[in-house]
Protein backbone atom coordinates (compact mmCIF):
# COMPACT_ATOMS: atom_id res chain seq x y z
CA MET A 1 -3.28 -1.17 82.07
CA PRO A 2 -4.53 -1.33 78.43
CA LYS A 3 -2.01 1.36 77.42
CA THR A 4 0.81 -0.70 78.91
CA VAL A 5 -0.27 -3.80 76.99
CA THR A 6 -0.57 -1.75 73.79
CA CYS A 7 2.94 -0.36 74.27
CA ILE A 8 4.38 -3.82 74.91
CA VAL A 9 2.68 -5.26 71.82
CA ALA A 10 3.82 -2.32 69.69
CA THR A 11 7.40 -2.73 70.96
CA LEU A 12 7.37 -6.46 70.22
CA LEU A 13 5.99 -5.89 66.71
CA LEU A 14 8.58 -3.19 66.01
CA SER A 15 11.35 -5.49 67.25
CA LEU A 16 10.10 -8.34 65.04
CA PHE A 17 9.87 -6.04 62.01
CA THR A 18 13.43 -4.80 62.63
CA GLN A 19 14.76 -8.37 62.83
CA VAL A 20 12.97 -9.44 59.64
CA HIS A 21 14.21 -6.33 57.81
CA ALA A 22 17.81 -6.94 58.95
CA SER A 23 17.58 -10.58 57.88
CA THR A 24 16.22 -9.59 54.46
CA ASN A 25 19.02 -7.05 54.02
CA ALA A 26 21.67 -9.64 54.95
CA ALA A 27 20.21 -12.23 52.57
CA GLU A 28 19.97 -9.68 49.75
CA ALA A 29 23.59 -8.60 50.28
CA VAL A 30 24.69 -12.22 49.93
CA ALA A 31 22.53 -12.67 46.82
CA LEU A 32 23.92 -9.54 45.18
CA ALA A 33 27.53 -10.46 45.98
CA TRP A 34 26.94 -13.91 44.46
CA LEU A 35 25.40 -12.36 41.35
CA GLU A 36 28.34 -9.95 41.06
CA ALA A 37 30.73 -12.91 41.12
CA ILE A 38 28.71 -14.61 38.36
CA ASP A 39 28.47 -11.36 36.37
CA SER A 40 32.26 -10.97 36.46
CA GLY A 41 32.95 -14.61 35.53
CA GLN A 42 34.17 -15.63 38.98
CA TYR A 43 32.26 -18.90 39.04
CA LYS A 44 34.58 -20.67 41.46
CA GLN A 45 34.17 -17.84 43.97
CA ALA A 46 30.39 -18.01 43.54
CA TRP A 47 30.44 -21.79 43.97
CA GLU A 48 32.52 -21.50 47.15
CA ALA A 49 30.02 -18.99 48.57
CA SER A 50 27.09 -21.27 47.70
CA SER A 51 25.06 -23.51 49.95
CA PRO A 52 25.85 -27.24 49.97
CA ILE A 53 22.35 -27.56 48.45
CA LEU A 54 23.81 -25.99 45.29
CA GLN A 55 27.33 -27.38 45.63
CA ARG A 56 26.39 -31.07 45.91
CA PRO A 57 24.96 -31.49 42.42
CA LEU A 58 27.28 -28.98 40.71
CA SER A 59 31.05 -28.72 40.60
CA PRO A 60 32.47 -25.21 40.02
CA TYR A 61 33.03 -26.20 36.39
CA MET A 62 29.42 -27.41 36.01
CA LEU A 63 28.14 -24.19 37.59
CA GLU A 64 30.12 -22.19 35.05
CA ARG A 65 28.86 -24.30 32.14
CA THR A 66 25.24 -24.23 33.29
CA ILE A 67 25.01 -20.49 33.97
CA GLY A 68 27.30 -19.66 31.07
CA ALA A 69 25.02 -21.57 28.69
CA ALA A 70 21.88 -19.94 30.12
CA ARG A 71 23.32 -16.42 29.84
CA ARG A 72 25.69 -16.87 26.88
CA ASP A 73 23.86 -14.62 24.43
CA PHE A 74 22.68 -12.03 26.96
CA GLY A 75 25.88 -9.98 27.21
CA ALA A 76 26.89 -7.86 30.18
CA VAL A 77 24.48 -6.84 32.92
CA GLU A 78 23.34 -3.25 32.47
CA SER A 79 20.91 -3.00 35.37
CA ARG A 80 19.26 -5.13 38.00
CA GLN A 81 16.29 -4.13 40.14
CA ARG A 82 14.61 -6.14 42.86
CA VAL A 83 10.92 -6.53 42.12
CA ARG A 84 9.91 -9.05 44.77
CA VAL A 85 11.12 -10.82 47.88
CA SER A 86 9.45 -13.58 49.86
CA ARG A 87 10.42 -15.69 52.82
CA GLU A 88 9.78 -19.42 52.52
CA ARG A 89 10.07 -22.38 54.89
CA SER A 90 10.39 -25.00 52.16
CA MET A 91 11.58 -25.17 48.57
CA PRO A 92 11.12 -27.93 45.98
CA GLY A 93 13.85 -30.57 46.23
CA ALA A 94 15.49 -28.93 49.25
CA PRO A 95 15.27 -29.52 52.99
CA ASP A 96 12.91 -27.40 55.07
CA GLY A 97 14.57 -24.31 56.45
CA ASP A 98 14.73 -20.56 56.17
CA TYR A 99 14.84 -19.30 52.55
CA MET A 100 14.57 -15.86 50.99
CA VAL A 101 13.50 -15.74 47.35
CA PHE A 102 14.58 -12.60 45.49
CA THR A 103 13.25 -11.78 42.05
CA PHE A 104 15.12 -9.21 39.99
CA GLN A 105 14.24 -7.59 36.70
CA THR A 106 17.56 -7.55 34.90
CA ARG A 107 18.60 -5.78 31.75
CA PHE A 108 21.43 -7.38 29.83
CA GLU A 109 23.31 -5.88 26.91
CA ASN A 110 21.53 -8.15 24.41
CA LYS A 111 18.33 -8.93 26.33
CA ALA A 112 16.32 -5.99 27.57
CA ARG A 113 13.99 -7.85 29.95
CA SER A 114 15.00 -10.86 31.98
CA ILE A 115 13.86 -12.21 35.31
CA GLU A 116 16.46 -13.59 37.69
CA THR A 117 15.44 -15.52 40.78
CA ILE A 118 18.02 -16.22 43.46
CA THR A 119 17.40 -18.07 46.69
CA PRO A 120 19.66 -17.70 49.72
CA HIS A 121 19.24 -20.29 52.49
CA LEU A 122 20.07 -19.60 56.15
CA GLU A 123 22.63 -22.17 57.31
CA GLU A 124 24.20 -22.05 60.75
CA GLY A 125 23.49 -18.33 61.03
CA ALA A 126 24.81 -17.39 57.58
CA TRP A 127 22.97 -16.85 54.30
CA ARG A 128 24.28 -18.88 51.34
CA VAL A 129 22.85 -19.09 47.81
CA SER A 130 21.02 -22.34 47.20
CA GLY A 131 19.40 -21.66 43.82
CA TYR A 132 19.52 -19.42 40.75
CA TYR A 133 17.27 -19.23 37.71
CA VAL A 134 17.16 -16.82 34.79
CA LYS A 135 14.45 -16.49 32.15
C-alpha cells in the first residue's frame, strides 16, 4: 500500500511540474514575441497584444513614446538572456490574478548591461503582457 501511495504522489507532482513548466514556456513565448515587436518598432502590434491592464492607461502612441524615450539612447538589442522568473498572484496597481514576472539581462548596442522586466498576465486562458520596465 505505501508504494502505491508513493507512486500516486509522485505522478501528481510530476503532472503539476509539467503543467507549471508548460505555462511558464507559454508566458515566456508571449513575452519574447512582445519584446521582439518593441525591438523592431512595431509598437501598435505590441499594444494590440497587450493586456487591458496595459492598454487602458496607454494608447499605442503613448506606448511608443514611453518606451521610445526609455530606450532612445540604447540602440539595437544585441542579446537578451533570462535571469529570473517568478509566478505571482498579485502585482502593484493591478487586479489579483496569475502573473509571470520575467527578468532579462539585455545588452543593447550603446548600453552593455540593462535589466528588462516584463510581466505577462493570464487572461481567459491566454497570456498577455501587462507590464514592462527597463533599467
